[in-house]
Amino acid sequence: MTTLITDHEDDTDTRGTGTATEPDAKTAATPRRGTPRGQADGMAVAAFVLGLVGTLVANVVLGPCALVLGALALARHTTRRFRAVLGMALGAVDLIILATLATADGSLSWTFGG
């Protein structure tokens, strides 16, 4: 006799007992990278890092990227909410620095010295 195994969308035990399998408490608490929440946490960290680096170099590119990634992370309900907001704030600072440099000496980069 052959048994046909099909994929079910519910979490029933495959041994045929009909009881639902319970997820491990530790794995349920921490979001994985492939999950939307895990991706949102990664976006929040990336927004912070890009905003921070953008204050020193390439603020014309990294500032808007930090703003977009921070907004996406907040829209996807990240658990690292403060980091996403801080990344957005640093992205805005990047654009303010860009505007200040552009009006002060007409360049889009930092200049040190005379």
Protein backbone atom coordinates (compact mmCIF):
# COMPACT_ATOMS: atom_id res chain seq x y z
CA MET A 1 0.00 0.00 0.00
CA THR A 2 1.38 3.43 -0.95
CA THR A 3 0.81 6.57 1.03
CA LEU A 4 0.35 9.88 -0.68
CA ILE A 5 1.82 12.78 1.28
CA THR A 6 0.49 16.22 0.46
CA ASP A 7 1.50 19.64 1.70
CA HIS A 8 -0.97 21.17 4.11
CA GLU A 9 -1.09 24.83 5.01
CA ASP A 10 -2.01 24.09 8.62
CA ASP A 11 0.51 23.04 11.27
CA THR A 12 -0.68 19.49 11.87
CA ASP A 13 1.69 16.82 12.97
CA THR A 14 2.88 14.63 10.08
CA ARG A 15 2.73 11.44 12.19
CA GLY A 16 -1.03 11.40 11.83
CA THR A 17 -1.92 12.20 15.45
CA GLY A 18 -3.76 15.34 14.40
CA THR A 19 -2.18 17.55 17.05
CA ALA A 20 -0.67 20.85 16.08
CA THR A 21 3.04 21.29 16.52
CA GLU A 22 4.05 24.10 18.79
CA PRO A 23 6.92 26.38 17.75
CA ASP A 24 9.94 26.55 19.98
CA ALA A 25 9.69 29.53 22.35
CA LYS A 26 13.16 30.81 21.50
CA THR A 27 12.70 30.70 17.72
CA ALA A 28 9.28 32.34 17.94
CA ALA A 29 10.67 35.30 19.92
CA THR A 30 13.53 36.18 17.59
CA PRO A 31 12.68 37.16 14.01
CA ARG A 32 14.66 35.40 11.30
CA ARG A 33 16.28 37.16 8.37
CA GLY A 34 13.91 35.72 5.81
CA THR A 35 10.79 36.89 7.62
CA PRO A 36 9.30 40.33 6.96
CA ARG A 37 9.98 41.39 10.56
CA GLY A 38 13.61 40.23 10.28
CA GLN A 39 13.98 42.16 7.03
CA ALA A 40 12.51 45.25 8.68
CA ASP A 41 15.04 44.98 11.50
CA GLY A 42 17.83 44.78 8.92
CA MET A 43 16.43 47.84 7.16
CA ALA A 44 16.42 49.76 10.44
CA VAL A 45 20.08 48.95 11.07
CA ALA A 46 21.00 49.77 7.47
CA ALA A 47 19.19 53.12 7.72
CA PHE A 48 21.16 53.99 10.83
CA VAL A 49 24.52 52.97 9.33
CA LEU A 50 23.87 54.76 6.01
CA GLY A 51 22.75 57.90 7.81
CA LEU A 52 25.82 57.85 10.04
CA VAL A 53 28.27 57.27 7.20
CA GLY A 54 26.42 59.81 5.06
CA THR A 55 27.29 62.61 7.46
CA LEU A 56 30.93 62.18 6.40
CA VAL A 57 30.88 61.03 2.78
CA ALA A 58 28.43 60.79 -0.13
CA ASN A 59 25.58 62.52 1.69
CA VAL A 60 23.82 63.17 -1.63
CA VAL A 61 23.29 59.41 -2.04
CA LEU A 62 23.31 58.00 1.49
CA GLY A 63 20.95 60.57 3.02
CA PRO A 64 17.93 59.71 0.86
CA CYS A 65 18.72 55.99 1.16
CA ALA A 66 18.67 56.27 4.96
CA LEU A 67 15.34 58.11 4.83
CA VAL A 68 13.73 55.50 2.59
CA LEU A 69 15.05 52.48 4.49
CA GLY A 70 14.02 53.96 7.83
CA ALA A 71 10.51 54.67 6.55
CA LEU A 72 10.19 51.15 5.11
CA ALA A 73 11.38 49.61 8.37
CA LEU A 74 8.78 51.59 10.33
CA ALA A 75 6.06 50.67 7.83
CA ARG A 76 6.93 46.99 8.27
CA HIS A 77 6.71 47.28 12.07
CA THR A 78 10.34 46.74 13.01
CA THR A 79 11.30 45.84 16.55
CA ARG A 80 14.23 48.28 16.25
CA ARG A 81 12.03 51.32 16.04
CA PHE A 82 14.50 53.75 17.65
CA ARG A 83 17.24 52.75 15.21
CA ALA A 84 14.94 53.32 12.24
CA VAL A 85 13.91 56.77 13.52
CA LEU A 86 17.52 57.66 14.26
CA GLY A 87 18.50 56.54 10.74
CA MET A 88 15.80 58.79 9.28
CA ALA A 89 16.99 61.70 11.42
CA LEU A 90 20.58 61.18 10.29
CA GLY A 91 19.40 60.99 6.68
CA ALA A 92 17.68 64.35 7.12
CA VAL A 93 20.87 65.76 8.68
CA ASP A 94 22.78 64.48 5.64
CA LEU A 95 20.50 66.46 3.35
CA ILE A 96 20.79 69.56 5.55
CA ILE A 97 24.59 69.28 5.41
CA LEU A 98 24.35 68.92 1.64
CA ALA A 99 22.20 72.03 1.34
CA THR A 100 24.51 73.99 3.66
CA LEU A 101 27.61 73.00 1.69
CA ALA A 102 25.95 73.75 -1.63
CA THR A 103 24.95 77.26 -0.54
CA ALA A 104 28.16 78.06 1.34
CA ASP A 105 30.77 77.33 -1.32
CA GLY A 106 28.92 75.79 -4.24
CA SER A 107 30.36 72.32 -3.77
CA LEU A 108 28.74 69.05 -2.78
CA SER A 109 31.57 67.74 -0.60
CA TRP A 110 33.56 68.57 2.48
CA THR A 111 36.69 70.65 2.02
CA PHE A 112 39.39 70.86 4.64
CA GLY A 113 42.07 73.50 4.68
CA GLY A 114 42.45 76.55 2.50
